[in-house]
Protein backbone atom coordinates (compact mmCIF):
# COMPACT_ATOMS: atom_id res chain seq x y z
CA UNK A 1 0.00 0.00 0.00
CA UNK A 2 1.26 3.50 -0.83
CA UNK A 3 2.05 5.71 2.15
CA UNK A 4 0.29 8.91 1.06
CA UNK A 5 1.57 10.85 4.08
CA UNK A 6 4.85 11.43 2.23
CA UNK A 7 2.94 13.68 -0.20
CA UNK A 8 1.66 16.04 2.50
CA UNK A 9 2.58 19.62 1.66
CA UNK A 10 2.78 19.08 -2.10
CA UNK A 11 1.93 21.99 -4.37
CA UNK A 12 -1.85 21.93 -4.74
CA UNK A 13 -3.41 21.37 -8.17
CA UNK A 14 -4.65 21.87 -10.69
CA UNK A 15 -1.50 21.15 -12.65
CA UNK A 16 -1.20 21.05 -16.41
CA UNK A 17 1.27 19.71 -18.92
CA UNK A 18 2.65 22.02 -21.61
CA UNK A 19 5.21 21.78 -24.36
CA UNK A 20 8.00 24.32 -23.95
CA UNK A 21 10.20 24.31 -27.01
CA UNK A 22 11.86 27.68 -26.39
CA UNK A 23 14.94 26.09 -24.83
CA UNK A 24 15.18 22.76 -26.61
CA UNK A 25 12.19 20.46 -26.46
CA UNK A 26 10.86 19.82 -22.96
CA UNK A 27 7.57 18.88 -21.46
CA UNK A 28 6.64 20.75 -18.36
CA UNK A 29 4.11 19.93 -15.67
CA UNK A 30 3.06 23.25 -14.22
CA UNK A 31 1.52 23.53 -10.79
CA UNK A 32 -0.81 26.48 -10.56
CA UNK A 33 -1.16 28.09 -7.18
CA UNK A 34 0.36 31.04 -5.37
CA UNK A 35 3.36 30.68 -7.63
CA UNK A 36 4.16 28.61 -10.68
CA UNK A 37 6.37 25.58 -10.14
CA UNK A 38 7.64 23.59 -13.06
CA UNK A 39 8.81 20.00 -13.44
CA UNK A 40 10.92 19.45 -16.54
CA UNK A 41 11.29 16.27 -18.53
CA UNK A 42 14.36 16.66 -20.71
CA UNK A 43 14.15 15.39 -24.24
CA UNK A 44 17.18 14.43 -26.27
CA UNK A 45 17.55 16.40 -29.49
CA UNK A 46 16.84 13.28 -31.58
CA UNK A 47 13.41 12.48 -30.12
CA UNK A 48 11.25 10.39 -32.41
CA UNK A 49 7.46 10.49 -32.52
CA UNK A 50 7.12 7.35 -30.37
CA UNK A 51 9.34 8.83 -27.64
CA UNK A 52 7.43 12.09 -27.83
CA UNK A 53 4.13 10.24 -27.27
CA UNK A 54 5.61 8.46 -24.23
CA UNK A 55 6.98 11.68 -22.76
CA UNK A 56 3.71 13.48 -23.42
CA UNK A 57 1.85 10.75 -21.53
CA UNK A 58 4.40 10.96 -18.70
CA UNK A 59 3.94 14.73 -18.47
CA UNK A 60 0.16 14.26 -18.36
CA UNK A 61 0.56 11.65 -15.58
CA UNK A 62 2.70 14.07 -13.56
CA UNK A 63 0.16 16.84 -14.14
CA UNK A 64 -2.65 14.58 -12.87
CA UNK A 65 -0.76 13.58 -9.69
CA UNK A 66 -2.87 15.79 -7.36
CA UNK A 67 -6.07 14.36 -8.87
CA UNK A 68 -4.81 10.78 -8.57
CA UNK A 69 -3.79 11.34 -4.94
CA UNK A 70 -7.20 12.80 -4.12
CA UNK A 71 -8.87 9.79 -5.77
CA UNK A 72 -6.74 7.32 -3.79
CA UNK A 73 -7.71 9.08 -0.55
CA UNK A 74 -11.40 9.14 -1.55
CA UNK A 75 -11.41 5.44 -2.43
CA UNK A 76 -9.63 4.51 0.81
CA UNK A 77 -12.28 6.37 2.78
CA UNK A 78 -15.00 4.53 0.86
CA UNK A 79 -13.31 1.18 1.61
CA UNK A 80 -13.15 2.02 5.31
CA UNK A 81 -16.86 2.91 5.26
CA UNK A 82 -17.67 -0.31 3.38
CA UNK A 83 -15.60 -2.36 5.87
CA UNK A 84 -17.43 -0.77 8.81
CA UNK A 85 -20.79 -1.42 7.13
CA UNK A 86 -19.88 -5.05 6.39
CA UNK A 87 -18.66 -5.59 9.95
CA UNK A 88 -22.01 -4.38 11.28
CA UNK A 89 -23.96 -6.33 8.65
CA UNK A 90 -22.38 -9.71 9.46
CA UNK A 91 -22.94 -9.10 13.17
CA UNK A 92 -20.01 -11.10 14.54
CA UNK A 93 -19.93 -13.79 11.87
CA UNK A 94 -16.14 -14.16 11.54
CA UNK A 95 -16.37 -16.46 8.53
CA UNK A 96 -18.50 -13.97 6.59
CA UNK A 97 -16.15 -11.13 7.52
CA UNK A 98 -13.13 -13.15 6.38
CA UNK A 99 -14.91 -13.80 3.07
CA UNK A 100 -15.57 -10.07 2.72
CA UNK A 101 -11.94 -9.18 3.43
CA UNK A 102 -10.71 -11.78 0.95
CA UNK A 103 -13.12 -10.47 -1.67
CA UNK A 104 -12.14 -6.83 -1.18
CA UNK A 105 -8.41 -7.23 -0.53
CA UNK A 106 -7.63 -10.27 -2.64
CA UNK A 107 -4.10 -11.48 -1.98
CA UNK A 108 -3.25 -8.46 0.17
CA UNK A 109 -4.71 -10.05 3.31
CA UNK A 110 -6.39 -8.28 6.16
CA UNK A 111 -7.03 -4.55 6.13
CA UNK A 112 -4.45 -2.57 8.08
């Protein structure tokens, strides 16, 4: 499981990816907020179209990081609520609860 606490204090979104070809070709993920912060992905001068597509997708992934983190946190909260509901619904039936945990967590085992 990802420890999301290490992301506390990150630059808030929204972020966006832009092509900046003023100083060589680079993709930039820009964090909008009180001040602009940029993350550069250097491109070699010989970049082919396939590499450019990969780097564009990488820049978009970086730009969506705040949204992805928020979604992970939202889904974790939903899982906690579902676990609490299931625990109340099975009313002490350990076998049913173990089945629920196995269904939800798969090979990961019990919820932490």
